[in-house]
Protein backbone atom coordinates (compact mmCIF):
# COMPACT_ATOMS: atom_id res chain seq x y z
CA MET A 1 59.12 98.28 73.12
CA SER A 2 60.04 101.30 75.21
CA ASN A 3 60.06 100.97 78.99
CA SER A 4 58.34 104.34 79.26
CA CYS A 5 55.18 102.76 77.80
CA SER A 6 54.97 100.19 80.58
CA PRO A 7 53.99 101.35 84.07
CA ALA A 8 56.31 98.73 85.59
CA GLY A 9 59.22 99.45 83.22
CA ILE A 10 61.76 100.67 85.77
CA LEU A 11 60.56 98.18 88.39
CA ASP A 12 61.05 95.32 85.90
CA ARG A 13 64.53 96.56 85.05
CA LEU A 14 65.45 96.93 88.72
CA SER A 15 64.19 93.42 89.50
CA LYS A 16 66.64 92.09 86.89
CA ALA A 17 69.61 94.16 88.08
CA SER A 18 72.49 91.99 89.22
CA SER A 19 74.59 94.53 91.11
CA ALA A 20 74.32 97.59 93.30
CA GLU A 21 76.10 99.56 90.60
CA GLU A 22 73.36 98.59 88.15
CA PHE A 23 70.70 100.02 90.51
CA PHE A 24 72.61 103.31 90.69
CA SER A 25 73.06 103.37 86.91
CA LEU A 26 69.42 102.56 86.08
CA LEU A 27 68.17 105.30 88.41
CA GLY A 28 70.86 107.85 87.58
CA VAL A 29 72.12 108.18 91.16
CA ASP A 30 75.70 109.31 91.71
CA TYR A 31 77.72 107.32 94.23
CA GLU A 32 81.18 106.92 95.67
CA PRO A 33 82.51 103.45 94.74
CA LYS A 34 84.39 103.22 98.05
CA ILE A 35 81.11 103.47 100.00
CA VAL A 36 79.27 101.02 97.76
CA ASN A 37 82.15 98.52 97.99
CA VAL A 38 81.80 98.46 101.79
CA ALA A 39 78.02 98.69 102.16
CA ARG A 40 76.52 97.33 98.91
CA LEU A 41 74.39 94.60 100.49
CA HIS A 42 73.28 96.93 103.26
CA ILE A 43 72.26 99.63 100.77
CA LEU A 44 70.31 97.13 98.66
CA LYS A 45 68.61 95.68 101.75
CA ARG A 46 67.65 99.18 102.94
CA VAL A 47 66.31 100.24 99.54
CA GLY A 48 64.32 96.99 99.48
CA GLN A 49 62.82 97.93 102.85
CA TYR A 50 61.86 101.34 101.42
CA PHE A 51 60.38 99.74 98.28
CA ALA A 52 58.29 97.34 100.40
CA LYS A 53 56.54 100.32 102.03
CA GLU A 54 55.64 101.93 98.67
CA GLN A 55 52.47 101.56 96.64
CA PHE A 56 53.26 101.98 92.95
CA ALA A 57 49.92 100.79 91.54
CA GLY A 58 48.39 103.39 89.26
CA ALA A 59 51.48 105.63 89.26
CA ALA A 60 52.92 106.80 85.93
CA GLU A 61 56.40 105.62 84.91
CA PRO A 62 58.06 109.03 85.50
CA GLU A 63 56.65 109.15 89.05
CA ILE A 64 57.71 105.57 89.78
CA ARG A 65 61.23 106.29 88.51
CA ALA A 66 61.45 109.49 90.61
CA ARG A 67 60.24 107.71 93.75
CA CYS A 68 62.67 104.80 93.21
CA LYS A 69 65.52 107.25 92.65
CA ALA A 70 64.65 109.13 95.86
CA MET A 71 64.55 105.87 97.83
CA LEU A 72 67.95 104.76 96.49
CA GLU A 73 69.40 108.19 97.27
CA GLN A 74 68.06 107.91 100.83
CA ALA A 75 69.35 104.35 101.31
CA TYR A 76 72.77 105.42 100.03
CA ALA A 77 72.75 108.53 102.25
CA ASP A 78 71.99 106.32 105.27
CA PHE A 79 75.34 104.59 104.77
CA VAL A 80 77.27 107.73 103.87
CA ALA A 81 76.22 109.18 107.24
CA SER A 82 76.87 106.04 109.29
CA SER A 83 78.27 102.53 109.05
CA PRO A 84 76.49 99.25 108.30
CA ILE A 85 77.05 98.26 111.95
CA GLU A 86 75.26 101.42 113.14
CA GLN A 87 72.35 100.98 110.70
CA ARG A 88 71.82 97.25 111.48
CA VAL A 89 69.63 96.32 108.52
CA PHE A 90 70.39 92.62 108.80
CA LYS A 91 68.89 90.35 111.47
CA VAL A 92 72.27 89.15 112.73
CA LEU A 93 73.36 92.72 113.44
CA LYS A 94 70.05 93.57 115.15
CA GLU A 95 70.31 90.52 117.38
CA ALA A 96 73.89 91.37 118.31
CA VAL A 97 72.56 94.31 120.34
CA ALA A 98 69.00 93.22 121.02
CA ASP A 99 69.65 92.50 124.70
CA PRO A 100 73.07 93.49 126.00
CA ASN A 101 72.30 91.81 129.36
CA LYS A 102 71.47 88.47 127.77
CA SER A 103 74.00 85.88 128.84
CA VAL A 104 75.91 84.08 126.15
CA ALA A 105 76.61 80.39 126.50
CA PHE A 106 80.29 79.79 127.14
CA VAL A 107 81.95 76.54 126.19
CA PRO A 108 85.56 76.23 127.33
CA LEU A 109 88.02 74.85 124.80
CA SER A 110 88.81 72.01 127.20
CA ALA A 111 85.22 70.77 126.81
CA LEU A 112 85.61 70.34 123.05
CA LYS A 113 86.92 66.90 122.06
């Protein structure tokens, strides 16, 4: 059965992808391996954020594929233009700068036994 017959064809294939490189390959997006090696999880998290905002119901397979490709290109471009630290897609990175005046608990080494 051809994926072009199923409205969710590309979405099904993407949901089964096991690597960032597979996402790029399935959607035909060119990438620099050096950038993907550094920011792969960040790119996938960002593209997931973009996907979550999309409504694909009722869209034809070619439109879904084009929209997915555009979102991956944008997520990749986000990390070509700046670093994962600057983009802060993960909670731990967001919290690291959430409140720069927030005091951090300090435990001196001498207190550890």
